[in-house]
């Protein structure tokens, strides 16, 4: 219930360049602003080609829902 919605790891080792991983501040800013998990991920990583994303890409627990009153 309070677990992770996704995970990411590299698929080519030992080349663990920092550009392959999401930048935490960029990721958090986009995710907390209501973007989906995959949107926030793609905007926060510079070299996504050698990584594997697993999880619910459309998760957006911080998205604001407007009421229709």
Protein backbone atom coordinates (compact mmCIF):
# COMPACT_ATOMS: atom_id res chain seq x y z
CA UNK A 1 0.00 0.00 0.00
CA UNK A 2 2.87 2.40 0.70
CA UNK A 3 5.37 0.71 -1.62
CA UNK A 4 7.24 1.90 -4.67
CA UNK A 5 5.44 2.55 -7.95
CA UNK A 6 8.51 2.03 -10.11
CA UNK A 7 12.19 1.25 -10.27
CA UNK A 8 15.06 1.93 -12.65
CA UNK A 9 18.42 0.29 -13.25
CA UNK A 10 21.13 0.16 -15.88
CA UNK A 11 21.38 -2.80 -18.24
CA UNK A 12 25.00 -2.31 -19.32
CA UNK A 13 27.66 -2.62 -16.65
CA UNK A 14 30.19 -1.59 -15.42
CA UNK A 15 29.54 1.68 -17.23
CA UNK A 16 27.58 3.41 -14.46
CA UNK A 17 27.69 7.00 -15.68
CA UNK A 18 25.70 9.48 -13.61
CA UNK A 19 23.84 10.63 -16.76
CA UNK A 20 22.13 7.22 -16.95
CA UNK A 21 20.28 7.80 -13.69
CA UNK A 22 17.45 10.21 -12.87
CA UNK A 23 18.51 13.49 -11.25
CA UNK A 24 16.63 13.40 -7.92
CA UNK A 25 15.77 17.11 -7.74
CA UNK A 26 14.51 17.26 -11.34
CA UNK A 27 12.52 14.04 -10.94
CA UNK A 28 10.92 15.14 -7.65
CA UNK A 29 9.97 18.57 -9.00
CA UNK A 30 8.11 17.08 -11.97
CA UNK A 31 6.54 14.17 -10.05
CA UNK A 32 5.34 16.36 -7.17
CA UNK A 33 3.90 18.82 -9.72
CA UNK A 34 1.50 16.07 -10.81
CA UNK A 35 3.24 14.58 -13.84
CA UNK A 36 3.17 10.83 -14.38
CA UNK A 37 6.01 8.66 -13.20
CA UNK A 38 7.33 8.11 -16.72
CA UNK A 39 7.09 11.82 -17.64
CA UNK A 40 9.08 12.79 -14.56
CA UNK A 41 11.62 10.04 -15.24
CA UNK A 42 12.20 11.00 -18.90
CA UNK A 43 12.68 14.66 -17.97
CA UNK A 44 15.23 13.82 -15.27
CA UNK A 45 17.62 11.45 -17.06
CA UNK A 46 20.16 12.50 -19.70
CA UNK A 47 21.05 9.06 -21.15
CA UNK A 48 17.95 6.81 -20.98
CA UNK A 49 19.13 4.37 -23.68
CA UNK A 50 20.95 1.90 -21.43
CA UNK A 51 18.44 1.63 -18.64
CA UNK A 52 15.40 -0.41 -17.74
CA UNK A 53 12.30 1.12 -16.20
CA UNK A 54 9.90 -1.22 -14.37
CA UNK A 55 6.66 -0.15 -12.76
CA UNK A 56 3.42 1.69 -13.39
CA UNK A 57 4.43 4.42 -15.87
CA UNK A 58 1.12 6.28 -15.64
CA UNK A 59 1.14 6.57 -11.85
CA UNK A 60 0.49 10.17 -10.84
CA UNK A 61 -0.39 10.22 -7.14
CA UNK A 62 0.26 13.96 -6.86
CA UNK A 63 -1.94 15.03 -9.80
CA UNK A 64 -4.53 17.60 -8.79
CA UNK A 65 -8.06 16.69 -9.78
CA UNK A 66 -10.38 19.61 -10.33
CA UNK A 67 -13.96 19.21 -9.23
CA UNK A 68 -16.74 20.02 -11.67
CA UNK A 69 -19.11 22.11 -9.58
